[in-house]
């Protein structure tokens, strides 16, 4: 067996045994392979069309069930608790505006947020504290995690849907109507 084949086998074993997605540095540490990226590409090709595939998400590599076979495992997987509407809105704000402080989240949502909302997102490992803003009071700011990208099948935040995608899906229609109604009410008040 060639040295390249041995390295590909080592990569395969490292990804299979890993507790979670691995960065290139993690892979190098685990396998001793200095430049694993070309070998990872070979491994991706090797697993194409199989029940398991090798994927990169957010600069991290992992093995996962092929999407067309995911239904087989759904019965045995624990369903995570459902997020509240406030948590979903908060997650969307963080994903689109990160890094963002609690006060900025509240300003965008227009309501105060309970501490439990951020706690639920941190517990789900979708959001993390990302340092402090250089502003009075040095507020803590939050950002999404690689777990967020992995859960939603995104390679990076650039893959999030844009305004036109959301509008095409009909998700912004209620917001657009509410904004139009609010503007017309404000216009009537000014005219009176």
N, C-alpha and C. Protein backbone atom coordinates (compact mmCIF):
# COMPACT_ATOMS: atom_id res chain seq x y z
N UNK A 1 0.85 -1.18 0.00
CA UNK A 1 0.00 0.00 0.00
C UNK A 1 0.89 1.24 0.00
N UNK A 2 0.52 2.26 -0.74
CA UNK A 2 1.34 3.47 -0.87
C UNK A 2 1.18 4.37 0.36
N UNK A 3 2.12 5.32 0.49
CA UNK A 3 2.08 6.27 1.61
C UNK A 3 0.82 7.14 1.51
N UNK A 4 0.43 7.52 0.28
CA UNK A 4 -0.76 8.34 0.09
C UNK A 4 -2.01 7.57 0.54
N UNK A 5 -2.09 6.31 0.17
CA UNK A 5 -3.24 5.49 0.57
C UNK A 5 -3.28 5.35 2.09
N UNK A 6 -2.12 5.21 2.72
CA UNK A 6 -2.07 5.13 4.18
C UNK A 6 -2.55 6.42 4.81
N UNK A 7 -2.16 7.57 4.22
CA UNK A 7 -2.59 8.87 4.75
C UNK A 7 -4.09 9.05 4.60
N UNK A 8 -4.65 8.62 3.47
CA UNK A 8 -6.10 8.72 3.26
C UNK A 8 -6.82 7.86 4.29
N UNK A 9 -6.30 6.68 4.56
CA UNK A 9 -6.89 5.80 5.58
C UNK A 9 -6.82 6.45 6.96
N UNK A 10 -5.69 7.12 7.25
CA UNK A 10 -5.54 7.79 8.54
C UNK A 10 -6.56 8.93 8.67
N UNK A 11 -6.74 9.69 7.60
CA UNK A 11 -7.75 10.76 7.61
C UNK A 11 -9.14 10.19 7.85
N UNK A 12 -9.45 9.13 7.13
CA UNK A 12 -10.76 8.49 7.27
C UNK A 12 -10.99 8.06 8.72
N UNK A 13 -9.99 7.42 9.33
CA UNK A 13 -10.11 6.96 10.70
C UNK A 13 -10.28 8.13 11.67
N UNK A 14 -9.50 9.21 11.46
CA UNK A 14 -9.59 10.37 12.34
C UNK A 14 -10.97 11.01 12.27
N UNK A 15 -11.51 11.19 11.07
CA UNK A 15 -12.83 11.79 10.92
C UNK A 15 -13.92 10.90 11.50
N UNK A 16 -13.78 9.60 11.30
CA UNK A 16 -14.78 8.65 11.79
C UNK A 16 -14.81 8.63 13.32
N UNK A 17 -13.66 8.69 13.95
CA UNK A 17 -13.57 8.59 15.40
C UNK A 17 -13.78 9.92 16.12
N UNK A 18 -13.75 11.03 15.38
CA UNK A 18 -13.85 12.35 16.01
C UNK A 18 -15.22 12.55 16.67
N UNK A 19 -15.21 13.26 17.79
CA UNK A 19 -16.46 13.57 18.49
C UNK A 19 -17.27 14.63 17.77
N UNK A 20 -16.62 15.42 16.94
CA UNK A 20 -17.29 16.48 16.20
C UNK A 20 -16.46 16.86 15.00
N UNK A 21 -16.92 17.86 14.25
CA UNK A 21 -16.17 18.31 13.08
C UNK A 21 -14.76 18.76 13.46
N UNK A 22 -13.80 18.55 12.54
CA UNK A 22 -12.39 18.84 12.81
C UNK A 22 -11.86 19.92 11.87
N UNK A 23 -11.06 20.83 12.42
CA UNK A 23 -10.38 21.82 11.59
C UNK A 23 -9.17 21.13 10.95
N UNK A 24 -8.55 21.80 9.98
CA UNK A 24 -7.34 21.24 9.36
C UNK A 24 -6.25 21.06 10.41
N UNK A 25 -6.16 22.00 11.36
CA UNK A 25 -5.17 21.88 12.44
C UNK A 25 -5.45 20.66 13.31
N UNK A 26 -6.74 20.41 13.62
CA UNK A 26 -7.10 19.23 14.40
C UNK A 26 -6.70 17.95 13.66
N UNK A 27 -6.94 17.94 12.35
CA UNK A 27 -6.61 16.76 11.54
C UNK A 27 -5.10 16.55 11.52
N UNK A 28 -4.34 17.62 11.36
CA UNK A 28 -2.88 17.52 11.36
C UNK A 28 -2.39 16.98 12.70
N UNK A 29 -2.96 17.49 13.80
CA UNK A 29 -2.57 17.01 15.13
C UNK A 29 -2.89 15.53 15.30
N UNK A 30 -4.06 15.12 14.84
CA UNK A 30 -4.50 13.73 15.03
C UNK A 30 -3.74 12.74 14.15
N UNK A 31 -3.38 13.17 12.93
CA UNK A 31 -2.80 12.23 11.96
C UNK A 31 -1.33 12.44 11.68
N UNK A 32 -0.82 13.64 11.96
CA UNK A 32 0.56 13.95 11.61
C UNK A 32 0.74 14.34 10.15
N UNK A 33 -0.36 14.48 9.41
CA UNK A 33 -0.29 14.86 8.00
C UNK A 33 -0.25 16.38 7.93
N UNK A 34 0.81 16.93 7.35
CA UNK A 34 1.00 18.38 7.33
C UNK A 34 0.03 19.13 6.41
N UNK A 35 -0.29 18.58 5.27
CA UNK A 35 -1.17 19.25 4.31
C UNK A 35 -2.31 18.30 3.95
N UNK A 36 -3.33 18.21 4.82
CA UNK A 36 -4.39 17.23 4.59
C UNK A 36 -5.43 17.60 3.53
N UNK A 37 -5.50 18.86 3.12
CA UNK A 37 -6.59 19.30 2.22
C UNK A 37 -6.66 18.49 0.91
N UNK A 38 -5.55 18.26 0.18
CA UNK A 38 -5.67 17.48 -1.06
C UNK A 38 -6.13 16.04 -0.78
N UNK A 39 -5.71 15.50 0.34
CA UNK A 39 -6.13 14.14 0.68
C UNK A 39 -7.60 14.12 1.10
N UNK A 40 -8.06 15.19 1.73
CA UNK A 40 -9.48 15.28 2.08
C UNK A 40 -10.33 15.32 0.81
N UNK A 41 -9.85 16.03 -0.21
CA UNK A 41 -10.56 16.07 -1.49
C UNK A 41 -10.66 14.67 -2.09
N UNK A 42 -9.58 13.90 -1.94
CA UNK A 42 -9.60 12.51 -2.43
C UNK A 42 -10.60 11.67 -1.64
N UNK A 43 -10.67 11.92 -0.33
CA UNK A 43 -11.61 11.19 0.52
C UNK A 43 -13.06 11.56 0.18
N UNK A 44 -13.30 12.84 -0.12
CA UNK A 44 -14.64 13.28 -0.55
C UNK A 44 -15.05 12.52 -1.80
N UNK A 45 -14.15 12.42 -2.77
CA UNK A 45 -14.42 11.70 -4.02
C UNK A 45 -14.67 10.22 -3.74
N UNK A 46 -13.89 9.64 -2.85
CA UNK A 46 -14.02 8.23 -2.51
C UNK A 46 -15.41 7.91 -1.94
N UNK A 47 -15.96 8.85 -1.16
CA UNK A 47 -17.24 8.62 -0.50
C UNK A 47 -18.44 9.12 -1.32
N UNK A 48 -18.24 9.73 -2.48
CA UNK A 48 -19.36 10.21 -3.29
C UNK A 48 -20.30 9.07 -3.63
N UNK A 49 -21.59 9.33 -3.45
CA UNK A 49 -22.61 8.35 -3.80
C UNK A 49 -22.79 7.22 -2.79
N UNK A 50 -22.11 7.30 -1.67
CA UNK A 50 -22.22 6.26 -0.66
C UNK A 50 -23.17 6.69 0.45
N UNK A 51 -23.39 5.84 1.41
CA UNK A 51 -24.31 6.13 2.51
C UNK A 51 -23.76 7.14 3.49
N UNK A 52 -22.46 7.29 3.48
CA UNK A 52 -21.78 8.28 4.33
C UNK A 52 -21.00 9.18 3.40
N UNK A 53 -20.93 10.47 3.76
CA UNK A 53 -20.15 11.39 2.94
C UNK A 53 -19.24 12.22 3.83
N UNK A 54 -18.19 12.75 3.24
CA UNK A 54 -17.26 13.63 3.92
C UNK A 54 -17.59 15.05 3.48
N UNK A 55 -17.82 15.94 4.46
CA UNK A 55 -18.24 17.31 4.15
C UNK A 55 -17.38 18.32 4.91
N UNK A 56 -17.32 19.52 4.32
CA UNK A 56 -16.67 20.65 4.99
C UNK A 56 -17.74 21.69 5.26
N UNK A 57 -17.80 22.15 6.48
CA UNK A 57 -18.75 23.18 6.87
C UNK A 57 -18.03 24.17 7.78
N UNK A 58 -17.93 25.40 7.33
CA UNK A 58 -17.30 26.43 8.15
C UNK A 58 -15.85 26.15 8.47
N UNK A 59 -15.13 25.54 7.53
CA UNK A 59 -13.72 25.24 7.74
C UNK A 59 -13.48 24.03 8.60
N UNK A 60 -14.51 23.24 8.87
CA UNK A 60 -14.40 22.03 9.68
C UNK A 60 -14.88 20.84 8.86
N UNK A 61 -14.20 19.73 9.02
CA UNK A 61 -14.48 18.53 8.23
C UNK A 61 -15.13 17.47 9.12
N UNK A 62 -16.06 16.70 8.51
CA UNK A 62 -16.76 15.65 9.26
C UNK A 62 -17.31 14.61 8.30
N UNK A 63 -17.66 13.48 8.88
CA UNK A 63 -18.40 12.44 8.15
C UNK A 63 -19.85 12.53 8.60
N UNK A 64 -20.76 12.39 7.65
CA UNK A 64 -22.18 12.45 7.99
C UNK A 64 -22.96 11.49 7.09
N UNK A 65 -24.17 11.21 7.52
CA UNK A 65 -25.06 10.38 6.72
C UNK A 65 -25.44 11.16 5.46
N UNK A 66 -25.50 10.47 4.33
CA UNK A 66 -25.93 11.11 3.08
C UNK A 66 -27.34 11.68 3.29
N UNK A 67 -27.59 12.90 2.82
CA UNK A 67 -28.90 13.54 3.06
C UNK A 67 -30.09 12.71 2.58
N UNK A 68 -29.93 11.98 1.49
CA UNK A 68 -31.06 11.20 0.97
C UNK A 68 -31.36 9.97 1.83
N UNK A 69 -30.49 9.65 2.80
CA UNK A 69 -30.72 8.50 3.69
C UNK A 69 -31.02 8.93 5.13
N UNK A 70 -31.07 10.21 5.37
CA UNK A 70 -31.26 10.71 6.74
C UNK A 70 -32.56 10.20 7.36
N UNK A 71 -33.57 9.96 6.54
CA UNK A 71 -34.85 9.49 7.07
C UNK A 71 -34.72 8.17 7.81
N UNK A 72 -33.74 7.37 7.47
CA UNK A 72 -33.54 6.07 8.11
C UNK A 72 -33.19 6.26 9.59
N UNK A 73 -32.43 7.30 9.90
CA UNK A 73 -31.96 7.52 11.27
C UNK A 73 -32.86 8.42 12.10
N UNK A 74 -33.82 9.05 11.50
CA UNK A 74 -34.65 10.01 12.23
C UNK A 74 -35.37 9.37 13.41
N UNK A 75 -35.80 8.14 13.29
CA UNK A 75 -36.55 7.49 14.35
C UNK A 75 -35.72 7.31 15.61
N UNK A 76 -34.42 7.15 15.46
CA UNK A 76 -33.57 6.85 16.60
C UNK A 76 -32.91 8.08 17.19
N UNK A 77 -33.10 9.22 16.58
CA UNK A 77 -32.45 10.43 17.05
C UNK A 77 -33.36 11.17 18.03
N UNK A 78 -32.77 11.67 19.12
CA UNK A 78 -33.55 12.46 20.06
C UNK A 78 -33.87 13.80 19.43
N UNK A 79 -35.10 14.21 19.58
CA UNK A 79 -35.49 15.51 19.06
C UNK A 79 -35.14 16.58 20.08
N UNK A 80 -34.42 17.60 19.67
CA UNK A 80 -34.11 18.67 20.62
C UNK A 80 -35.36 19.45 20.96
N UNK A 81 -35.31 20.14 22.11
CA UNK A 81 -36.49 20.92 22.48
C UNK A 81 -36.70 22.04 21.47
N UNK A 82 -37.93 22.41 21.30
CA UNK A 82 -38.26 23.44 20.32
C UNK A 82 -37.90 24.81 20.89
N UNK A 83 -37.42 25.67 20.02
CA UNK A 83 -37.07 27.02 20.43
C UNK A 83 -38.32 27.90 20.43
N UNK A 84 -38.34 28.85 21.35
CA UNK A 84 -39.44 29.82 21.38
C UNK A 84 -39.30 30.77 20.20
N UNK A 85 -40.36 31.49 19.93
CA UNK A 85 -40.31 32.48 18.85
C UNK A 85 -39.23 33.53 19.13
N UNK A 86 -39.11 33.93 20.40
CA UNK A 86 -38.09 34.91 20.79
C UNK A 86 -36.69 34.37 20.51
N UNK A 87 -36.47 33.08 20.79
CA UNK A 87 -35.15 32.48 20.55
C UNK A 87 -34.86 32.40 19.06
N UNK A 88 -35.85 32.07 18.26
CA UNK A 88 -35.65 31.99 16.81
C UNK A 88 -35.34 33.38 16.25
N UNK A 89 -36.08 34.39 16.70
CA UNK A 89 -35.82 35.76 16.24
C UNK A 89 -34.41 36.19 16.66
N UNK A 90 -34.04 35.88 17.90
CA UNK A 90 -32.72 36.24 18.41
C UNK A 90 -31.62 35.55 17.61
N UNK A 91 -31.81 34.27 17.32
CA UNK A 91 -30.83 33.53 16.53
C UNK A 91 -30.66 34.15 15.15
N UNK A 92 -31.76 34.52 14.52
CA UNK A 92 -31.70 35.14 13.20
C UNK A 92 -30.95 36.47 13.26
N UNK A 93 -31.23 37.27 14.29
CA UNK A 93 -30.55 38.56 14.43
C UNK A 93 -29.06 38.35 14.60
N UNK A 94 -28.68 37.40 15.45
CA UNK A 94 -27.25 37.13 15.67
C UNK A 94 -26.61 36.65 14.38
N UNK A 95 -27.26 35.74 13.67
CA UNK A 95 -26.69 35.19 12.43
C UNK A 95 -26.46 36.26 11.39
N UNK A 96 -27.40 37.20 11.26
CA UNK A 96 -27.29 38.21 10.21
C UNK A 96 -26.48 39.45 10.63
N UNK A 97 -26.34 39.69 11.94
CA UNK A 97 -25.70 40.93 12.40
C UNK A 97 -24.46 40.71 13.26
N UNK A 98 -23.99 39.48 13.40
CA UNK A 98 -22.90 39.22 14.35
C UNK A 98 -21.64 39.99 14.03
N UNK A 99 -20.85 40.32 15.03
CA UNK A 99 -21.14 40.18 16.46
C UNK A 99 -22.12 41.26 16.90
N UNK A 100 -23.04 40.89 17.79
CA UNK A 100 -24.11 41.79 18.20
C UNK A 100 -24.32 41.68 19.71
N UNK A 101 -24.59 42.82 20.35
CA UNK A 101 -24.80 42.84 21.80
C UNK A 101 -26.27 42.60 22.12
N UNK A 102 -26.53 42.32 23.39
CA UNK A 102 -27.89 42.10 23.85
C UNK A 102 -28.76 43.35 23.59
N UNK A 103 -28.20 44.53 23.87
CA UNK A 103 -28.95 45.78 23.65
C UNK A 103 -29.29 45.95 22.17
N UNK A 104 -28.37 45.59 21.29
CA UNK A 104 -28.64 45.70 19.85
C UNK A 104 -29.72 44.71 19.43
N UNK A 105 -29.69 43.51 20.00
CA UNK A 105 -30.72 42.50 19.70
C UNK A 105 -32.08 43.04 20.13
N UNK A 106 -32.14 43.61 21.34
CA UNK A 106 -33.40 44.15 21.85
C UNK A 106 -33.89 45.32 20.99
N UNK A 107 -32.96 46.15 20.53
CA UNK A 107 -33.35 47.29 19.68
C UNK A 107 -33.93 46.80 18.36
N UNK A 108 -33.34 45.77 17.78
CA UNK A 108 -33.83 45.25 16.50
C UNK A 108 -35.20 44.57 16.69
N UNK A 109 -35.32 43.79 17.78
CA UNK A 109 -36.59 43.09 18.03
C UNK A 109 -37.67 44.03 18.53
N UNK A 110 -37.27 45.13 19.19
CA UNK A 110 -38.24 46.09 19.70
C UNK A 110 -38.82 45.71 21.05
N UNK A 111 -38.29 44.68 21.68
CA UNK A 111 -38.75 44.26 23.01
C UNK A 111 -37.55 43.79 23.82
N UNK A 112 -37.72 43.81 25.17
CA UNK A 112 -36.65 43.29 26.02
C UNK A 112 -36.63 41.77 25.91
N UNK A 113 -35.46 41.22 26.15
CA UNK A 113 -35.26 39.79 26.00
C UNK A 113 -34.95 39.19 27.37
N UNK A 114 -35.53 38.04 27.65
CA UNK A 114 -35.21 37.36 28.91
C UNK A 114 -33.85 36.69 28.79
N UNK A 115 -33.19 36.52 29.92
CA UNK A 115 -31.87 35.90 29.92
C UNK A 115 -31.94 34.47 29.39
N UNK A 116 -33.06 33.81 29.61
CA UNK A 116 -33.21 32.42 29.18
C UNK A 116 -33.14 32.24 27.67
N UNK A 117 -33.47 33.29 26.92
CA UNK A 117 -33.44 33.19 25.47
C UNK A 117 -32.02 32.94 24.98
N UNK A 118 -31.08 33.76 25.42
CA UNK A 118 -29.68 33.56 25.03
C UNK A 118 -29.13 32.27 25.62
N UNK A 119 -29.54 31.95 26.85
CA UNK A 119 -29.07 30.71 27.48
C UNK A 119 -29.46 29.49 26.65
N UNK A 120 -30.69 29.47 26.12
CA UNK A 120 -31.14 28.34 25.30
C UNK A 120 -30.31 28.21 24.04
N UNK A 121 -29.95 29.33 23.42
CA UNK A 121 -29.13 29.30 22.20
C UNK A 121 -27.70 28.87 22.50
N UNK A 122 -27.17 29.31 23.63
CA UNK A 122 -25.82 28.91 24.03
C UNK A 122 -25.82 27.42 24.38
N UNK A 123 -26.86 26.96 25.08
CA UNK A 123 -26.97 25.55 25.45
C UNK A 123 -27.07 24.66 24.20
N UNK A 124 -27.76 25.14 23.17
CA UNK A 124 -27.87 24.39 21.91
C UNK A 124 -26.56 24.43 21.12
N UNK A 125 -25.60 25.23 21.59
CA UNK A 125 -24.29 25.40 20.96
C UNK A 125 -24.39 26.03 19.57
N UNK A 126 -25.36 26.94 19.42
CA UNK A 126 -25.53 27.67 18.17
C UNK A 126 -25.00 29.09 18.28
N UNK A 127 -24.87 29.57 19.52
CA UNK A 127 -24.42 30.94 19.78
C UNK A 127 -23.35 30.88 20.87
N UNK A 128 -22.39 31.81 20.76
CA UNK A 128 -21.32 31.87 21.77
C UNK A 128 -21.00 33.33 22.07
N UNK A 129 -20.52 33.60 23.28
CA UNK A 129 -20.00 34.95 23.54
C UNK A 129 -18.78 35.16 22.65
N UNK A 130 -18.67 36.35 22.05
CA UNK A 130 -17.58 36.60 21.10
C UNK A 130 -16.75 37.81 21.52
N UNK A 131 -16.63 38.03 22.80
CA UNK A 131 -15.81 39.13 23.28
C UNK A 131 -16.66 40.30 23.73
N UNK A 132 -15.99 41.43 23.88
CA UNK A 132 -16.67 42.64 24.35
C UNK A 132 -16.46 43.76 23.36
N UNK A 133 -17.46 44.59 23.19
CA UNK A 133 -17.40 45.72 22.28
C UNK A 133 -16.65 46.86 22.96
N UNK A 134 -15.86 47.57 22.18
CA UNK A 134 -15.14 48.74 22.68
C UNK A 134 -16.10 49.92 22.71
N UNK A 135 -16.95 49.95 23.72
CA UNK A 135 -17.96 50.98 23.89
C UNK A 135 -18.20 51.14 25.39
N UNK A 136 -18.85 52.20 25.81
CA UNK A 136 -19.12 52.37 27.24
C UNK A 136 -19.82 51.15 27.81
N UNK A 137 -19.33 50.70 28.93
CA UNK A 137 -19.87 49.51 29.57
C UNK A 137 -19.32 48.21 29.03
N UNK A 138 -18.56 48.29 27.92
CA UNK A 138 -17.97 47.12 27.27
C UNK A 138 -18.95 45.94 27.22
N UNK A 139 -20.05 46.11 26.47
CA UNK A 139 -21.06 45.04 26.42
C UNK A 139 -20.52 43.78 25.74
N UNK A 140 -20.99 42.66 26.24
CA UNK A 140 -20.67 41.36 25.67
C UNK A 140 -21.37 41.24 24.32
N UNK A 141 -20.67 40.72 23.32
CA UNK A 141 -21.28 40.51 22.00
C UNK A 141 -21.35 39.01 21.72
N UNK A 142 -22.30 38.64 20.87
CA UNK A 142 -22.56 37.23 20.58
C UNK A 142 -22.41 36.97 19.08
N UNK A 143 -22.02 35.72 18.76
CA UNK A 143 -21.84 35.29 17.38
C UNK A 143 -22.30 33.84 17.27
N UNK A 144 -22.51 33.39 16.04
CA UNK A 144 -22.89 31.99 15.82
C UNK A 144 -21.65 31.10 15.94
N UNK A 145 -21.88 29.80 16.04
CA UNK A 145 -20.81 28.83 16.20
C UNK A 145 -20.72 27.91 14.98
N UNK A 146 -19.64 27.14 14.88
CA UNK A 146 -19.60 26.13 13.82
C UNK A 146 -20.75 25.11 13.95
N UNK A 147 -21.22 24.89 15.18
CA UNK A 147 -22.38 24.00 15.39
C UNK A 147 -23.63 24.52 14.72
N UNK A 148 -23.80 25.86 14.70
CA UNK A 148 -24.93 26.49 14.00
C UNK A 148 -24.84 26.19 12.51
N UNK A 149 -23.64 26.41 11.94
CA UNK A 149 -23.45 26.14 10.51
C UNK A 149 -23.73 24.68 10.20
N UNK A 150 -23.20 23.80 11.04
CA UNK A 150 -23.37 22.36 10.81
C UNK A 150 -24.85 21.96 10.91
N UNK A 151 -25.55 22.44 11.93
CA UNK A 151 -26.95 22.07 12.12
C UNK A 151 -27.82 22.51 10.94
N UNK A 152 -27.55 23.69 10.41
CA UNK A 152 -28.37 24.21 9.32
C UNK A 152 -27.79 23.91 7.94
N UNK A 153 -26.70 23.11 7.88
CA UNK A 153 -26.14 22.69 6.61
C UNK A 153 -25.52 23.81 5.81
N UNK A 154 -24.90 24.76 6.50
CA UNK A 154 -24.29 25.91 5.83
C UNK A 154 -22.77 25.77 5.83
N UNK A 155 -22.13 26.15 4.74
CA UNK A 155 -20.67 26.15 4.71
C UNK A 155 -20.13 27.38 5.42
N UNK A 156 -20.84 28.50 5.30
CA UNK A 156 -20.47 29.74 5.97
C UNK A 156 -21.72 30.60 6.10
N UNK A 157 -21.60 31.71 6.82
CA UNK A 157 -22.74 32.62 6.97
C UNK A 157 -23.16 33.22 5.64
N UNK A 158 -22.26 33.22 4.66
CA UNK A 158 -22.59 33.75 3.34
C UNK A 158 -23.70 32.94 2.67
N UNK A 159 -23.91 31.70 3.15
CA UNK A 159 -24.94 30.84 2.58
C UNK A 159 -26.34 31.12 3.15
N UNK A 160 -26.44 32.03 4.13
CA UNK A 160 -27.75 32.39 4.66
C UNK A 160 -28.58 33.03 3.54
N UNK A 161 -29.88 32.81 3.54
CA UNK A 161 -30.70 33.42 2.49
C UNK A 161 -30.71 34.94 2.60
N UNK A 162 -30.71 35.60 1.45
CA UNK A 162 -30.77 37.06 1.40
C UNK A 162 -32.20 37.54 1.40
N UNK A 163 -32.37 38.86 1.37
CA UNK A 163 -33.70 39.46 1.41
C UNK A 163 -34.56 38.98 0.23
N UNK A 164 -33.97 38.90 -0.95
CA UNK A 164 -34.74 38.48 -2.13
C UNK A 164 -35.18 37.02 -1.99
N UNK A 165 -34.31 36.17 -1.43
CA UNK A 165 -34.67 34.77 -1.21
C UNK A 165 -35.84 34.67 -0.23
N UNK A 166 -35.79 35.45 0.85
CA UNK A 166 -36.85 35.42 1.85
C UNK A 166 -38.15 35.97 1.28
N UNK A 167 -38.05 37.03 0.49
CA UNK A 167 -39.25 37.62 -0.13
C UNK A 167 -39.86 36.62 -1.12
N UNK A 168 -39.02 35.96 -1.91
CA UNK A 168 -39.50 34.97 -2.89
C UNK A 168 -40.20 33.80 -2.20
N UNK A 169 -39.76 33.46 -0.99
CA UNK A 169 -40.38 32.37 -0.24
C UNK A 169 -41.65 32.83 0.48
N UNK A 170 -41.97 34.13 0.39
CA UNK A 170 -43.17 34.65 1.03
C UNK A 170 -43.01 34.91 2.51
N UNK A 171 -41.77 34.86 3.00
CA UNK A 171 -41.55 35.03 4.43
C UNK A 171 -41.56 36.49 4.88
N UNK A 172 -41.41 37.42 3.96
CA UNK A 172 -41.38 38.83 4.34
C UNK A 172 -42.70 39.54 4.07
N UNK A 173 -43.65 38.86 3.42
CA UNK A 173 -44.92 39.50 3.09
C UNK A 173 -45.62 40.07 4.33
N UNK A 174 -45.77 39.32 5.44
CA UNK A 174 -46.44 39.90 6.62
C UNK A 174 -45.66 41.10 7.17
N UNK A 175 -44.36 41.07 7.12
CA UNK A 175 -43.55 42.19 7.61
C UNK A 175 -43.74 43.40 6.71
N UNK A 176 -43.69 43.18 5.40
CA UNK A 176 -43.88 44.27 4.46
C UNK A 176 -45.25 44.92 4.64
N UNK A 177 -46.30 44.10 4.82
CA UNK A 177 -47.64 44.64 5.02
C UNK A 177 -47.72 45.43 6.31
N UNK A 178 -47.13 44.93 7.38
CA UNK A 178 -47.15 45.62 8.67
C UNK A 178 -46.41 46.96 8.57
N UNK A 179 -45.29 46.98 7.87
CA UNK A 179 -44.55 48.23 7.70
C UNK A 179 -45.36 49.25 6.90
N UNK A 180 -46.01 48.78 5.84
CA UNK A 180 -46.84 49.68 5.03
C UNK A 180 -47.98 50.27 5.87
N UNK A 181 -48.62 49.42 6.69
CA UNK A 181 -49.71 49.89 7.54
C UNK A 181 -49.21 50.91 8.55
N UNK A 182 -48.05 50.64 9.17
CA UNK A 182 -47.49 51.56 10.15
C UNK A 182 -47.14 52.89 9.51
N UNK A 183 -46.56 52.86 8.33
CA UNK A 183 -46.21 54.10 7.63
C UNK A 183 -47.45 54.91 7.28
N UNK A 184 -48.52 54.23 6.87
CA UNK A 184 -49.74 54.96 6.52
C UNK A 184 -50.38 55.57 7.76
N UNK A 185 -50.33 54.89 8.92
CA UNK A 185 -50.86 55.43 10.17
C UNK A 185 -50.06 56.66 10.58
N UNK A 186 -48.72 56.56 10.50
CA UNK A 186 -47.87 57.68 10.87
C UNK A 186 -48.09 58.87 9.93
N UNK A 187 -48.30 58.60 8.66
CA UNK A 187 -48.55 59.66 7.70
C UNK A 187 -49.86 60.38 8.00
N UNK A 188 -50.91 59.62 8.37
CA UNK A 188 -52.20 60.20 8.74
C UNK A 188 -52.07 61.07 9.98
N UNK A 189 -51.28 60.62 10.97
CA UNK A 189 -51.09 61.38 12.20
C UNK A 189 -50.39 62.71 11.90
N UNK A 190 -49.42 62.69 11.02
CA UNK A 190 -48.68 63.91 10.66
C UNK A 190 -49.61 64.89 9.95
N UNK A 191 -50.48 64.37 9.07
CA UNK A 191 -51.39 65.22 8.31
C UNK A 191 -52.48 65.85 9.19
N UNK A 192 -52.83 65.19 10.29
CA UNK A 192 -53.88 65.72 11.20
C UNK A 192 -53.37 66.80 12.05
